[in-house]
C-alpha atoms as a PDB file:
ATOM      1  CA  MET A   1       0.000   0.000   0.000  1.00  0.00           C
ATOM      2  CA  PRO A   2       1.410   3.455  -0.881  1.00  0.00           C
ATOM      3  CA  VAL A   3       2.477   5.593   2.039  1.00  0.00           C
ATOM      4  CA  MET A   4       1.006   9.071   2.269  1.00  0.00           C
ATOM      5  CA  ARG A   5       3.382  11.634   3.633  1.00  0.00           C
ATOM      6  CA  THR A   6       2.162  14.586   5.682  1.00  0.00           C
ATOM      7  CA  ASN A   7       3.542  18.082   5.578  1.00  0.00           C
ATOM      8  CA  GLN A   8       3.531  20.426   8.503  1.00  0.00           C
ATOM      9  CA  VAL A   9       1.834  23.736   7.835  1.00  0.00           C
ATOM     10  CA  SER A  10       3.674  26.786   9.069  1.00  0.00           C
ATOM     11  CA  SER A  11       1.997  30.077   9.866  1.00  0.00           C
ATOM     12  CA  ASP A  12       5.332  31.845   9.436  1.00  0.00           C
ATOM     13  CA  PRO A  13       4.995  34.176   6.401  1.00  0.00           C
ATOM     14  CA  ALA A  14       8.665  33.602   5.546  1.00  0.00           C
ATOM     15  CA  ALA A  15       7.954  29.882   5.160  1.00  0.00           C
ATOM     16  CA  THR A  16       5.170  30.344   2.584  1.00  0.00           C
ATOM     17  CA  TYR A  17       5.774  29.274  -0.977  1.00  0.00           C
ATOM     18  CA  ASP A  18       6.450  31.835  -3.678  1.00  0.00           C
ATOM     19  CA  LEU A  19       3.735  31.063  -6.212  1.00  0.00           C
ATOM     20  CA  THR A  20       4.871  33.738  -8.683  1.00  0.00           C
ATOM     21  CA  PRO A  21       6.492  31.244 -11.103  1.00  0.00           C
ATOM     22  CA  PHE A  22       3.155  29.439 -11.350  1.00  0.00           C
ATOM     23  CA  ILE A  23       0.804  32.413 -11.297  1.00  0.00           C
ATOM     24  CA  GLU A  24       2.503  34.544 -13.943  1.00  0.00           C
ATOM     25  CA  PRO A  25       2.065  32.072 -16.850  1.00  0.00           C
ATOM     26  CA  LEU A  26      -1.525  31.411 -15.831  1.00  0.00           C
ATOM     27  CA  ALA A  27      -2.273  35.136 -15.587  1.00  0.00           C
ATOM     28  CA  SER A  28      -0.739  35.684 -19.022  1.00  0.00           C
ATOM     29  CA  TYR A  29      -2.850  32.863 -20.442  1.00  0.00           C
ATOM     30  CA  ILE A  30      -6.028  34.280 -18.897  1.00  0.00           C
ATOM     31  CA  CYS A  31      -5.295  37.850 -19.995  1.00  0.00           C
ATOM     32  CA  SER A  32      -4.508  36.827 -23.568  1.00  0.00           C
ATOM     33  CA  ALA A  33      -7.611  34.650 -23.922  1.00  0.00           C
ATOM     34  CA  ASP A  34     -10.439  35.777 -26.193  1.00  0.00           C
ATOM     35  CA  ARG A  35     -12.741  35.495 -23.197  1.00  0.00           C
ATOM     36  CA  PRO A  36     -10.645  36.208 -20.077  1.00  0.00           C
ATOM     37  CA  LYS A  37     -13.534  35.935 -17.629  1.00  0.00           C
ATOM     38  CA  GLU A  38     -14.395  32.443 -18.851  1.00  0.00           C
ATOM     39  CA  ALA A  39     -10.709  31.448 -18.819  1.00  0.00           C
ATOM     40  CA  LEU A  40     -10.396  32.675 -15.214  1.00  0.00           C
ATOM     41  CA  LEU A  41     -13.513  30.792 -14.138  1.00  0.00           C
ATOM     42  CA  SER A  42     -12.241  27.655 -15.881  1.00  0.00           C
ATOM     43  CA  ALA A  43      -8.875  27.922 -14.107  1.00  0.00           C
ATOM     44  CA  LEU A  44     -10.572  28.423 -10.741  1.00  0.00           C
ATOM     45  CA  SER A  45     -12.852  25.455 -11.366  1.00  0.00           C
ATOM     46  CA  ALA A  46      -9.859  23.250 -12.198  1.00  0.00           C
ATOM     47  CA  LEU A  47      -8.053  24.418  -9.051  1.00  0.00           C
ATOM     48  CA  PHE A  48     -11.064  23.729  -6.829  1.00  0.00           C
ATOM     49  CA  ASP A  49     -11.498  20.283  -8.424  1.00  0.00           C
ATOM     50  CA  GLU A  50      -7.851  19.452  -7.648  1.00  0.00           C
ATOM     51  CA  VAL A  51      -8.191  20.616  -4.043  1.00  0.00           C
ATOM     52  CA  GLN A  52     -11.406  18.639  -3.611  1.00  0.00           C
ATOM     53  CA  GLY A  53      -9.781  15.521  -5.082  1.00  0.00           C
ATOM     54  CA  THR A  54      -6.810  15.860  -2.747  1.00  0.00           C
ATOM     55  CA  HIS A  55      -9.146  16.348   0.203  1.00  0.00           C
ATOM     56  CA  ARG A  56     -11.103  13.199  -0.712  1.00  0.00           C
ATOM     57  CA  ALA A  57      -7.893  11.193  -1.072  1.00  0.00           C
ATOM     58  CA  THR A  58      -6.754  12.404   2.340  1.00  0.00           C
ATOM     59  CA  LEU A  59     -10.038  11.434   3.964  1.00  0.00           C
ATOM     60  CA  MET A  60      -9.900   7.989   2.361  1.00  0.00           C
ATOM     61  CA  HIS A  61      -6.325   7.515   3.568  1.00  0.00           C
ATOM     62  CA  ILE A  62      -7.315   8.455   7.112  1.00  0.00           C
ATOM     63  CA  ALA A  63     -10.392   6.211   7.028  1.00  0.00           C
ATOM     64  CA  THR A  64      -8.409   3.270   5.645  1.00  0.00           C
ATOM     65  CA  SER A  65      -5.708   3.731   8.293  1.00  0.00           C
ATOM     66  CA  ARG A  66      -8.306   3.724  11.046  1.00  0.00           C
ATOM     67  CA  VAL A  67     -10.040   0.642   9.672  1.00  0.00           C
ATOM     68  CA  GLU A  68      -6.709  -1.180   9.399  1.00  0.00           C
ATOM     69  CA  SER A  69      -5.715  -0.174  12.926  1.00  0.00           C
ATOM     70  CA  LEU A  70      -8.979  -1.676  14.220  1.00  0.00           C
ATOM     71  CA  GLY A  71      -8.305  -4.918  12.323  1.00  0.00           C
ATOM     72  CA  LEU A  72     -11.499  -4.616  10.272  1.00  0.00           C
ATOM     73  CA  ALA A  73     -11.832  -5.929   6.729  1.00  0.00           C
ATOM     74  CA  LEU A  74     -12.757  -3.574   3.904  1.00  0.00           C
END
């Protein structure tokens, strides 16, 4: 079974990731689109879908770990 690694979240502003290298190309794509509003909404939808998928995977990992620790069969 694959092992899921956890990352600690830091509230220290200096420890936050610089997202500029990722945001700039996306912003350029959105701004140069024929319909920038629709491109922005599409990008946001894709981002939310990815976050939701990651959240579901995390919940399943936690649930599976708990079931296994109780010795229950899936």
